[in-house]
N, C-alpha and C. Protein backbone atom coordinates (compact mmCIF):
# COMPACT_ATOMS: atom_id res chain seq x y z
N MET A 1 54.43 -10.27 10.66
CA MET A 1 53.03 -10.57 10.27
C MET A 1 52.27 -9.28 9.98
N GLN A 2 52.47 -8.27 10.83
CA GLN A 2 51.76 -7.01 10.65
C GLN A 2 52.14 -6.36 9.32
N LEU A 3 53.43 -6.38 8.99
CA LEU A 3 53.88 -5.80 7.74
C LEU A 3 53.26 -6.52 6.56
N ASN A 4 53.18 -7.86 6.66
CA ASN A 4 52.55 -8.64 5.60
C ASN A 4 51.09 -8.25 5.41
N ASN A 5 50.42 -7.92 6.53
CA ASN A 5 49.03 -7.48 6.44
C ASN A 5 48.92 -6.19 5.63
N TRP A 6 49.84 -5.27 5.83
CA TRP A 6 49.82 -4.02 5.07
C TRP A 6 50.12 -4.29 3.59
N CYS A 7 51.00 -5.23 3.32
CA CYS A 7 51.27 -5.61 1.92
C CYS A 7 50.01 -6.20 1.28
N LYS A 8 49.31 -7.03 2.04
CA LYS A 8 48.04 -7.59 1.56
C LYS A 8 47.03 -6.47 1.35
N GLY A 9 47.05 -5.47 2.24
CA GLY A 9 46.16 -4.33 2.10
C GLY A 9 46.37 -3.60 0.79
N GLU A 10 47.63 -3.46 0.39
CA GLU A 10 47.94 -2.82 -0.88
C GLU A 10 47.32 -3.60 -2.04
N GLU A 11 47.43 -4.92 -2.01
CA GLU A 11 46.84 -5.75 -3.06
C GLU A 11 45.32 -5.59 -3.10
N VAL A 12 44.70 -5.58 -1.93
CA VAL A 12 43.24 -5.46 -1.85
C VAL A 12 42.78 -4.12 -2.42
N LEU A 13 43.48 -3.04 -2.05
CA LEU A 13 43.09 -1.71 -2.52
C LEU A 13 43.29 -1.56 -4.02
N LYS A 14 44.32 -2.15 -4.54
CA LYS A 14 44.55 -2.10 -6.00
C LYS A 14 43.43 -2.79 -6.77
N ASP A 15 42.73 -3.70 -6.09
CA ASP A 15 41.65 -4.46 -6.72
C ASP A 15 40.28 -3.89 -6.33
N SER A 16 40.22 -2.58 -6.10
CA SER A 16 38.97 -1.87 -5.75
C SER A 16 38.38 -2.36 -4.43
N GLY A 17 39.24 -2.84 -3.54
CA GLY A 17 38.77 -3.32 -2.25
C GLY A 17 38.74 -2.24 -1.19
N VAL A 18 38.29 -2.65 -0.01
CA VAL A 18 38.14 -1.76 1.14
C VAL A 18 38.79 -2.43 2.34
N ILE A 19 39.59 -1.68 3.10
CA ILE A 19 40.22 -2.24 4.30
C ILE A 19 39.90 -1.36 5.51
N VAL A 20 39.98 -1.96 6.68
CA VAL A 20 39.95 -1.20 7.93
C VAL A 20 41.34 -1.29 8.54
N ALA A 21 41.92 -0.13 8.83
CA ALA A 21 43.27 -0.08 9.39
C ALA A 21 43.40 1.17 10.24
N SER A 22 44.44 1.20 11.08
CA SER A 22 44.66 2.37 11.94
C SER A 22 45.26 3.51 11.11
N THR A 23 44.78 4.71 11.36
CA THR A 23 45.36 5.91 10.74
C THR A 23 46.21 6.61 11.80
N ASP A 24 46.49 7.87 11.59
CA ASP A 24 47.24 8.64 12.59
C ASP A 24 46.37 9.02 13.79
N THR A 25 45.06 8.81 13.67
CA THR A 25 44.14 9.13 14.78
C THR A 25 43.35 7.89 15.18
N LEU A 26 42.36 7.53 14.40
CA LEU A 26 41.45 6.43 14.71
C LEU A 26 41.57 5.32 13.68
N TYR A 27 40.82 4.24 13.89
CA TYR A 27 40.65 3.27 12.82
C TYR A 27 39.81 3.91 11.72
N GLY A 28 40.19 3.65 10.48
CA GLY A 28 39.45 4.20 9.35
C GLY A 28 39.09 3.11 8.36
N ILE A 29 38.06 3.40 7.56
CA ILE A 29 37.75 2.54 6.40
C ILE A 29 38.46 3.18 5.22
N LEU A 30 39.42 2.47 4.67
CA LEU A 30 40.31 3.05 3.66
C LEU A 30 40.07 2.45 2.30
N THR A 31 40.08 3.32 1.30
CA THR A 31 40.10 2.87 -0.09
C THR A 31 40.69 3.98 -0.95
N ARG A 32 41.04 3.65 -2.18
CA ARG A 32 41.72 4.61 -3.05
C ARG A 32 40.77 5.73 -3.48
N ALA A 33 41.25 6.96 -3.32
CA ALA A 33 40.42 8.13 -3.63
C ALA A 33 40.04 8.20 -5.11
N PHE A 34 40.90 7.69 -5.97
CA PHE A 34 40.62 7.78 -7.40
C PHE A 34 39.92 6.54 -7.95
N ASP A 35 39.33 5.76 -7.08
CA ASP A 35 38.57 4.57 -7.47
C ASP A 35 37.11 4.79 -7.09
N LYS A 36 36.32 5.30 -8.03
CA LYS A 36 34.93 5.67 -7.74
C LYS A 36 34.12 4.49 -7.21
N LYS A 37 34.32 3.35 -7.83
CA LYS A 37 33.58 2.15 -7.42
C LYS A 37 33.84 1.82 -5.96
N ALA A 38 35.11 1.90 -5.55
CA ALA A 38 35.47 1.58 -4.17
C ALA A 38 34.97 2.66 -3.21
N VAL A 39 35.03 3.92 -3.62
CA VAL A 39 34.53 5.02 -2.77
C VAL A 39 33.03 4.83 -2.52
N ASP A 40 32.29 4.51 -3.58
CA ASP A 40 30.85 4.29 -3.43
C ASP A 40 30.58 3.11 -2.48
N LYS A 41 31.45 2.12 -2.52
CA LYS A 41 31.30 0.96 -1.63
C LYS A 41 31.44 1.36 -0.16
N VAL A 42 32.41 2.26 0.12
CA VAL A 42 32.60 2.74 1.50
C VAL A 42 31.36 3.46 1.99
N TYR A 43 30.76 4.30 1.15
CA TYR A 43 29.54 5.02 1.54
C TYR A 43 28.42 4.03 1.88
N LYS A 44 28.32 2.98 1.08
CA LYS A 44 27.28 1.98 1.32
C LYS A 44 27.54 1.22 2.61
N ILE A 45 28.79 0.81 2.84
CA ILE A 45 29.14 0.05 4.04
C ILE A 45 28.87 0.86 5.31
N LYS A 46 29.23 2.14 5.29
CA LYS A 46 29.06 3.00 6.48
C LYS A 46 27.63 3.49 6.64
N GLY A 47 26.85 3.45 5.56
CA GLY A 47 25.56 4.12 5.59
C GLY A 47 25.75 5.62 5.70
N ARG A 48 26.81 6.11 5.05
CA ARG A 48 27.22 7.51 5.17
C ARG A 48 26.32 8.41 4.34
N ASP A 49 26.02 9.58 4.89
CA ASP A 49 25.27 10.61 4.17
C ASP A 49 25.92 10.85 2.81
N SER A 50 25.16 10.68 1.74
CA SER A 50 25.73 10.77 0.38
C SER A 50 26.20 12.17 0.02
N HIS A 51 25.81 13.17 0.81
CA HIS A 51 26.24 14.55 0.54
C HIS A 51 27.43 14.96 1.40
N LYS A 52 27.97 14.03 2.17
CA LYS A 52 29.06 14.35 3.10
C LYS A 52 30.38 13.81 2.56
N PRO A 53 31.31 14.70 2.16
CA PRO A 53 32.59 14.22 1.62
C PRO A 53 33.44 13.55 2.71
N CYS A 54 34.38 12.72 2.27
CA CYS A 54 35.32 12.08 3.18
C CYS A 54 36.65 12.82 3.18
N ILE A 55 37.37 12.77 4.29
CA ILE A 55 38.72 13.32 4.34
C ILE A 55 39.64 12.41 3.51
N ILE A 56 40.55 13.05 2.78
CA ILE A 56 41.48 12.33 1.91
C ILE A 56 42.88 12.42 2.50
N LEU A 57 43.53 11.27 2.65
CA LEU A 57 44.88 11.22 3.20
C LEU A 57 45.91 11.30 2.07
N ILE A 58 46.92 12.17 2.27
CA ILE A 58 47.99 12.35 1.30
C ILE A 58 49.33 12.27 2.03
N THR A 59 50.42 12.29 1.27
CA THR A 59 51.75 12.27 1.90
C THR A 59 52.63 13.43 1.49
N SER A 60 52.17 14.28 0.55
CA SER A 60 53.00 15.38 0.07
C SER A 60 52.14 16.46 -0.56
N PHE A 61 52.73 17.65 -0.73
CA PHE A 61 52.02 18.73 -1.39
C PHE A 61 51.76 18.39 -2.85
N SER A 62 52.63 17.61 -3.45
CA SER A 62 52.43 17.23 -4.86
C SER A 62 51.17 16.38 -5.02
N ASP A 63 50.76 15.69 -3.95
CA ASP A 63 49.51 14.92 -4.02
C ASP A 63 48.31 15.83 -4.26
N LEU A 64 48.36 17.05 -3.72
CA LEU A 64 47.25 17.99 -3.94
C LEU A 64 47.09 18.32 -5.42
N GLU A 65 48.21 18.35 -6.14
CA GLU A 65 48.17 18.67 -7.57
C GLU A 65 47.41 17.61 -8.36
N LYS A 66 47.37 16.38 -7.85
CA LYS A 66 46.64 15.31 -8.53
C LYS A 66 45.14 15.59 -8.56
N PHE A 67 44.70 16.47 -7.67
CA PHE A 67 43.28 16.85 -7.61
C PHE A 67 43.05 18.21 -8.29
N SER A 68 44.08 18.71 -8.99
CA SER A 68 44.02 20.03 -9.64
C SER A 68 43.70 21.12 -8.63
N LEU A 69 44.25 20.97 -7.44
CA LEU A 69 43.98 21.93 -6.37
C LEU A 69 45.10 22.96 -6.30
N LYS A 70 44.74 24.20 -6.35
CA LYS A 70 45.71 25.30 -6.24
C LYS A 70 45.63 25.87 -4.83
N ILE A 71 46.80 26.03 -4.21
CA ILE A 71 46.80 26.63 -2.88
C ILE A 71 47.64 27.91 -2.90
N SER A 72 47.21 28.88 -2.11
CA SER A 72 47.89 30.17 -2.08
C SER A 72 49.16 30.08 -1.24
N ASP A 73 50.00 31.09 -1.35
CA ASP A 73 51.24 31.14 -0.56
C ASP A 73 50.93 31.17 0.93
N ASN A 74 49.88 31.93 1.32
CA ASN A 74 49.49 31.99 2.73
C ASN A 74 49.05 30.63 3.24
N GLN A 75 48.28 29.92 2.41
CA GLN A 75 47.83 28.60 2.80
C GLN A 75 49.01 27.65 2.97
N LYS A 76 49.93 27.70 2.02
CA LYS A 76 51.07 26.79 2.07
C LYS A 76 51.93 27.05 3.31
N LYS A 77 52.09 28.33 3.66
CA LYS A 77 52.86 28.69 4.85
C LYS A 77 52.22 28.08 6.10
N PHE A 78 50.90 28.19 6.19
CA PHE A 78 50.19 27.61 7.33
C PHE A 78 50.31 26.09 7.32
N LEU A 79 50.13 25.49 6.15
CA LEU A 79 50.15 24.03 6.05
C LEU A 79 51.50 23.44 6.42
N LYS A 80 52.56 24.15 6.09
CA LYS A 80 53.90 23.65 6.42
C LYS A 80 54.14 23.62 7.94
N ASN A 81 53.35 24.43 8.67
CA ASN A 81 53.47 24.44 10.13
C ASN A 81 52.67 23.30 10.79
N ILE A 82 51.66 22.78 10.09
CA ILE A 82 50.79 21.77 10.71
C ILE A 82 50.90 20.39 10.06
N TRP A 83 51.44 20.31 8.86
CA TRP A 83 51.55 19.03 8.14
C TRP A 83 52.99 18.57 8.05
N PRO A 84 53.28 17.26 8.12
CA PRO A 84 52.32 16.21 8.47
C PRO A 84 51.80 16.41 9.90
N GLY A 85 50.53 16.08 10.08
CA GLY A 85 49.94 16.27 11.39
C GLY A 85 48.46 15.95 11.39
N LYS A 86 47.88 16.02 12.58
CA LYS A 86 46.49 15.56 12.78
C LYS A 86 45.48 16.70 12.60
N VAL A 87 45.68 17.46 11.54
CA VAL A 87 44.78 18.54 11.17
C VAL A 87 44.31 18.30 9.74
N SER A 88 43.00 18.23 9.55
CA SER A 88 42.41 18.07 8.23
C SER A 88 41.94 19.45 7.75
N VAL A 89 42.25 19.76 6.50
CA VAL A 89 41.99 21.10 5.98
C VAL A 89 41.03 21.01 4.79
N VAL A 90 39.95 21.80 4.86
CA VAL A 90 38.95 21.85 3.80
C VAL A 90 39.29 22.99 2.84
N PHE A 91 39.37 22.65 1.56
CA PHE A 91 39.64 23.65 0.53
C PHE A 91 38.45 23.77 -0.42
N PRO A 92 38.24 24.98 -0.98
CA PRO A 92 37.22 25.08 -2.03
C PRO A 92 37.68 24.31 -3.26
N TYR A 93 36.74 23.69 -3.95
CA TYR A 93 37.06 22.93 -5.16
C TYR A 93 36.12 23.38 -6.26
N THR A 94 36.64 24.13 -7.20
CA THR A 94 35.80 24.78 -8.20
C THR A 94 35.64 23.99 -9.49
N LYS A 95 36.35 22.87 -9.61
CA LYS A 95 36.25 22.06 -10.83
C LYS A 95 34.92 21.30 -10.85
N ASN A 96 34.51 20.90 -12.05
CA ASN A 96 33.27 20.14 -12.18
C ASN A 96 33.48 18.64 -12.02
N LYS A 97 34.75 18.20 -12.11
CA LYS A 97 35.00 16.76 -12.03
C LYS A 97 35.08 16.30 -10.57
N LEU A 98 35.26 15.00 -10.38
CA LEU A 98 35.42 14.36 -9.06
C LEU A 98 34.24 14.62 -8.12
N LYS A 99 33.04 14.67 -8.70
CA LYS A 99 31.86 14.90 -7.88
C LYS A 99 31.65 13.79 -6.85
N TYR A 100 32.10 12.58 -7.19
CA TYR A 100 31.94 11.46 -6.26
C TYR A 100 32.79 11.65 -5.01
N LEU A 101 33.77 12.58 -5.07
CA LEU A 101 34.57 12.91 -3.89
C LEU A 101 34.04 14.14 -3.16
N HIS A 102 33.71 15.20 -3.90
CA HIS A 102 33.23 16.41 -3.19
C HIS A 102 31.73 16.36 -2.91
N ARG A 103 31.02 15.38 -3.51
CA ARG A 103 29.62 15.12 -3.20
C ARG A 103 28.73 16.34 -3.40
N GLY A 104 29.11 17.20 -4.33
CA GLY A 104 28.31 18.39 -4.63
C GLY A 104 28.59 19.58 -3.73
N THR A 105 29.48 19.42 -2.75
CA THR A 105 29.76 20.52 -1.83
C THR A 105 30.74 21.53 -2.41
N LYS A 106 31.45 21.13 -3.47
CA LYS A 106 32.50 21.95 -4.08
C LYS A 106 33.61 22.27 -3.07
N THR A 107 33.83 21.32 -2.15
CA THR A 107 34.96 21.41 -1.22
C THR A 107 35.60 20.03 -1.10
N MET A 108 36.89 20.01 -0.72
CA MET A 108 37.58 18.76 -0.44
C MET A 108 38.45 18.95 0.80
N ALA A 109 38.52 17.91 1.63
CA ALA A 109 39.31 17.98 2.86
C ALA A 109 40.49 17.00 2.76
N PHE A 110 41.67 17.47 3.19
CA PHE A 110 42.89 16.67 3.11
C PHE A 110 43.62 16.68 4.45
N ARG A 111 44.36 15.59 4.70
CA ARG A 111 45.27 15.51 5.84
C ARG A 111 46.54 14.81 5.38
N MET A 112 47.69 15.37 5.77
CA MET A 112 48.96 14.81 5.33
C MET A 112 49.53 13.87 6.38
N ILE A 113 49.81 12.64 5.93
CA ILE A 113 50.41 11.62 6.78
C ILE A 113 51.93 11.66 6.59
N GLY A 114 52.67 11.60 7.69
CA GLY A 114 54.13 11.63 7.61
C GLY A 114 54.73 10.26 7.80
N PRO A 115 56.05 10.13 7.60
CA PRO A 115 56.73 8.84 7.72
C PRO A 115 56.71 8.25 9.13
N LYS A 116 56.34 9.05 10.12
CA LYS A 116 56.19 8.52 11.49
C LYS A 116 55.15 7.39 11.51
N ASN A 117 54.11 7.54 10.69
CA ASN A 117 53.10 6.49 10.52
C ASN A 117 53.52 5.63 9.33
N ARG A 118 54.57 4.83 9.58
CA ARG A 118 55.32 4.19 8.49
C ARG A 118 54.47 3.37 7.52
N ASN A 119 53.66 2.46 8.05
CA ASN A 119 52.90 1.57 7.17
C ASN A 119 51.88 2.32 6.32
N LEU A 120 51.16 3.23 6.96
CA LEU A 120 50.15 4.01 6.23
C LEU A 120 50.82 4.94 5.22
N PHE A 121 51.91 5.56 5.64
CA PHE A 121 52.67 6.45 4.76
C PHE A 121 53.13 5.70 3.50
N GLN A 122 53.71 4.52 3.69
CA GLN A 122 54.21 3.74 2.56
C GLN A 122 53.07 3.27 1.67
N LEU A 123 51.94 2.96 2.27
CA LEU A 123 50.78 2.53 1.48
C LEU A 123 50.31 3.64 0.55
N ILE A 124 50.20 4.86 1.10
CA ILE A 124 49.76 5.99 0.28
C ILE A 124 50.79 6.33 -0.79
N LYS A 125 52.07 6.28 -0.42
CA LYS A 125 53.13 6.53 -1.39
C LYS A 125 53.05 5.54 -2.55
N SER A 126 52.67 4.31 -2.24
CA SER A 126 52.65 3.26 -3.25
C SER A 126 51.44 3.33 -4.17
N ILE A 127 50.24 3.56 -3.59
CA ILE A 127 49.04 3.46 -4.43
C ILE A 127 48.25 4.76 -4.55
N GLY A 128 48.69 5.82 -3.89
CA GLY A 128 48.03 7.11 -4.05
C GLY A 128 47.12 7.46 -2.89
N PRO A 129 46.54 8.66 -2.93
CA PRO A 129 45.69 9.16 -1.84
C PRO A 129 44.54 8.20 -1.51
N LEU A 130 44.16 8.20 -0.23
CA LEU A 130 43.10 7.32 0.26
C LEU A 130 42.01 8.15 0.94
N ILE A 131 40.75 7.74 0.77
CA ILE A 131 39.72 8.31 1.64
C ILE A 131 39.79 7.52 2.95
N ALA A 132 39.41 8.17 4.05
CA ALA A 132 39.61 7.53 5.35
C ALA A 132 38.57 7.95 6.38
N PRO A 133 37.28 7.71 6.12
CA PRO A 133 36.30 7.99 7.18
C PRO A 133 36.51 7.04 8.35
N SER A 134 36.06 7.43 9.53
CA SER A 134 36.26 6.58 10.71
C SER A 134 35.50 5.27 10.57
N ALA A 135 36.00 4.25 11.25
CA ALA A 135 35.46 2.90 11.12
C ALA A 135 34.25 2.71 12.03
N ASN A 136 33.13 3.21 11.59
CA ASN A 136 31.87 3.05 12.29
C ASN A 136 30.72 3.36 11.34
N PRO A 137 29.59 2.69 11.51
CA PRO A 137 28.40 3.11 10.77
C PRO A 137 28.01 4.52 11.21
N GLN A 138 27.42 5.28 10.31
CA GLN A 138 27.04 6.65 10.65
C GLN A 138 26.14 6.66 11.87
N GLY A 139 26.49 7.51 12.83
CA GLY A 139 25.70 7.62 14.06
C GLY A 139 26.20 6.77 15.21
N LYS A 140 27.12 5.84 14.93
CA LYS A 140 27.70 4.98 15.98
C LYS A 140 29.07 5.51 16.40
N LYS A 141 29.57 5.04 17.54
CA LYS A 141 30.88 5.45 18.02
C LYS A 141 31.98 4.80 17.17
N PRO A 142 33.08 5.52 16.90
CA PRO A 142 34.19 4.92 16.15
C PRO A 142 34.74 3.69 16.86
N ALA A 143 35.06 2.66 16.09
CA ALA A 143 35.67 1.46 16.65
C ALA A 143 37.03 1.80 17.23
N VAL A 144 37.31 1.31 18.43
CA VAL A 144 38.63 1.54 19.05
C VAL A 144 39.52 0.30 18.97
N THR A 145 38.92 -0.83 18.59
CA THR A 145 39.70 -2.05 18.35
C THR A 145 39.25 -2.65 17.03
N ILE A 146 40.07 -3.54 16.49
CA ILE A 146 39.72 -4.19 15.23
C ILE A 146 38.53 -5.11 15.43
N LEU A 147 38.37 -5.67 16.65
CA LEU A 147 37.23 -6.53 16.95
C LEU A 147 35.91 -5.75 16.86
N GLU A 148 35.93 -4.51 17.38
CA GLU A 148 34.73 -3.67 17.28
C GLU A 148 34.41 -3.36 15.83
N ALA A 149 35.42 -3.09 15.04
CA ALA A 149 35.21 -2.81 13.61
C ALA A 149 34.61 -4.02 12.91
N LYS A 150 35.10 -5.21 13.26
CA LYS A 150 34.57 -6.44 12.65
C LYS A 150 33.11 -6.65 13.02
N LYS A 151 32.74 -6.30 14.25
CA LYS A 151 31.34 -6.43 14.66
C LYS A 151 30.45 -5.47 13.87
N TYR A 152 31.00 -4.29 13.55
CA TYR A 152 30.25 -3.32 12.77
C TYR A 152 30.05 -3.79 11.32
N PHE A 153 31.11 -4.26 10.69
CA PHE A 153 31.09 -4.42 9.23
C PHE A 153 31.16 -5.86 8.73
N GLU A 154 31.57 -6.79 9.60
CA GLU A 154 31.63 -8.20 9.25
C GLU A 154 32.35 -8.43 7.91
N ASN A 155 31.70 -9.16 6.99
CA ASN A 155 32.34 -9.51 5.72
C ASN A 155 32.22 -8.43 4.65
N ASN A 156 31.65 -7.29 5.01
CA ASN A 156 31.52 -6.21 4.02
C ASN A 156 32.84 -5.51 3.74
N VAL A 157 33.80 -5.69 4.66
CA VAL A 157 35.16 -5.15 4.48
C VAL A 157 36.07 -6.29 4.04
N ASP A 158 36.96 -6.01 3.08
CA ASP A 158 37.79 -7.07 2.50
C ASP A 158 38.95 -7.49 3.38
N LEU A 159 39.47 -6.58 4.21
CA LEU A 159 40.62 -6.91 5.05
C LEU A 159 40.64 -6.01 6.28
N TYR A 160 40.92 -6.62 7.43
CA TYR A 160 41.09 -5.88 8.68
C TYR A 160 42.56 -6.00 9.11
N ILE A 161 43.17 -4.85 9.43
CA ILE A 161 44.56 -4.85 9.90
C ILE A 161 44.58 -4.35 11.34
N ASP A 162 44.98 -5.23 12.25
CA ASP A 162 44.94 -4.92 13.68
C ASP A 162 46.08 -3.98 14.06
N GLY A 163 45.73 -2.82 14.58
CA GLY A 163 46.72 -1.86 15.03
C GLY A 163 46.64 -1.60 16.52
N GLY A 164 46.06 -2.56 17.27
CA GLY A 164 45.91 -2.37 18.71
C GLY A 164 44.72 -1.48 19.03
N THR A 165 44.68 -0.98 20.25
CA THR A 165 43.60 -0.09 20.67
C THR A 165 43.89 1.33 20.18
N ARG A 166 42.90 1.93 19.55
CA ARG A 166 43.07 3.28 19.00
C ARG A 166 42.05 4.22 19.64
N LYS A 167 42.39 4.73 20.83
CA LYS A 167 41.53 5.71 21.50
C LYS A 167 42.13 7.08 21.26
N SER A 168 41.45 7.89 20.52
CA SER A 168 41.96 9.21 20.18
C SER A 168 40.80 10.11 19.80
N LYS A 169 41.00 11.39 19.98
CA LYS A 169 40.07 12.34 19.39
C LYS A 169 40.27 12.31 17.88
N PRO A 170 39.26 12.72 17.12
CA PRO A 170 39.46 12.81 15.68
C PRO A 170 40.39 13.96 15.34
N SER A 171 40.77 14.05 14.08
CA SER A 171 41.60 15.17 13.66
C SER A 171 40.84 16.48 13.83
N THR A 172 41.58 17.55 14.05
CA THR A 172 41.01 18.89 14.04
C THR A 172 40.66 19.23 12.59
N LEU A 173 39.49 19.82 12.37
CA LEU A 173 39.04 20.13 11.01
C LEU A 173 38.92 21.64 10.84
N VAL A 174 39.64 22.17 9.87
CA VAL A 174 39.60 23.62 9.61
C VAL A 174 39.27 23.86 8.13
N GLU A 175 38.79 25.05 7.84
CA GLU A 175 38.44 25.38 6.46
C GLU A 175 38.89 26.79 6.11
N TYR A 176 39.38 26.93 4.90
CA TYR A 176 39.68 28.26 4.37
C TYR A 176 38.44 28.81 3.71
N LYS A 177 38.00 29.97 4.17
CA LYS A 177 36.82 30.61 3.57
C LYS A 177 37.20 32.02 3.15
N LYS A 178 36.61 32.47 2.05
CA LYS A 178 36.84 33.83 1.59
C LYS A 178 35.65 34.71 1.94
N CYS A 179 35.97 35.88 2.48
CA CYS A 179 34.94 36.87 2.73
C CYS A 179 34.50 37.44 1.38
N PHE A 180 33.21 37.40 1.08
CA PHE A 180 32.74 37.83 -0.23
C PHE A 180 33.04 39.29 -0.53
N SER A 181 32.95 40.14 0.49
CA SER A 181 33.13 41.57 0.26
C SER A 181 34.60 41.95 0.06
N THR A 182 35.50 41.30 0.83
CA THR A 182 36.92 41.67 0.76
C THR A 182 37.79 40.67 0.01
N GLN A 183 37.23 39.42 -0.20
CA GLN A 183 37.98 38.33 -0.84
C GLN A 183 39.21 37.91 -0.02
N VAL A 184 39.22 38.27 1.27
CA VAL A 184 40.32 37.88 2.15
C VAL A 184 40.04 36.49 2.71
N GLU A 185 41.05 35.64 2.70
CA GLU A 185 40.91 34.29 3.23
C GLU A 185 40.90 34.31 4.76
N LYS A 186 40.04 33.48 5.32
CA LYS A 186 39.97 33.36 6.77
C LYS A 186 39.94 31.89 7.13
N LEU A 187 40.71 31.50 8.14
CA LEU A 187 40.74 30.12 8.60
C LEU A 187 39.69 29.93 9.68
N VAL A 188 38.78 29.00 9.46
CA VAL A 188 37.68 28.74 10.40
C VAL A 188 37.83 27.32 10.95
N VAL A 189 37.74 27.16 12.27
CA VAL A 189 37.79 25.84 12.88
C VAL A 189 36.39 25.24 12.86
N LEU A 190 36.25 24.12 12.14
CA LEU A 190 34.95 23.45 12.02
C LEU A 190 34.76 22.39 13.10
N ARG A 191 35.87 21.78 13.52
CA ARG A 191 35.79 20.74 14.55
C ARG A 191 37.05 20.80 15.42
N ASN A 192 36.86 20.96 16.70
CA ASN A 192 37.99 20.93 17.63
C ASN A 192 38.34 19.47 17.89
N GLY A 193 39.50 19.05 17.43
CA GLY A 193 39.92 17.67 17.59
C GLY A 193 41.16 17.57 18.45
N ILE A 194 42.05 16.69 18.05
CA ILE A 194 43.22 16.37 18.85
C ILE A 194 44.26 17.50 18.88
N VAL A 195 44.28 18.35 17.85
CA VAL A 195 45.22 19.48 17.78
C VAL A 195 44.46 20.77 18.05
N LYS A 196 44.97 21.58 18.95
CA LYS A 196 44.33 22.85 19.28
C LYS A 196 44.84 23.95 18.35
N ILE A 197 43.92 24.68 17.73
CA ILE A 197 44.28 25.80 16.85
C ILE A 197 43.56 27.04 17.34
């Protein structure tokens, strides 16, 4: 039954829908990153700050290329040590397109999901990268059960997939920043989450 729910989730997402499902950390509100209409719907459902980008879930380094994102050798070396894993990484994004994803910040954050999270991994492999903000209205605590998520969002979400109780810290959030004077990249921890860096 659970697997069928994930199959149904794929159909919903292909039709510009929104689902609540468990990620590698918490319950998230998921929709396709390259579907502007659906992304805007998630912002409306959450009451999310329109200037705050969402973390994007991927399954491979080649997924980053879909966003025209170039990463340095140093970055890739670091990423291979932490991905797949519960670390979200913010990169500078200098292109003018995809403003509905970077929300004017000129940055994008990504986290790589591995095959250990089988259903989510297969979903992303099938339909592409997903945005995945936590399943809660802005300012409220993240839902730890699907029942809590349903109380938050009711019929505004197209499908709920029960993954049991999800009590976890959020992902650790880090960012690559360049020092203006030296142009040397520096890794800065923006949020201490489940992984210590």
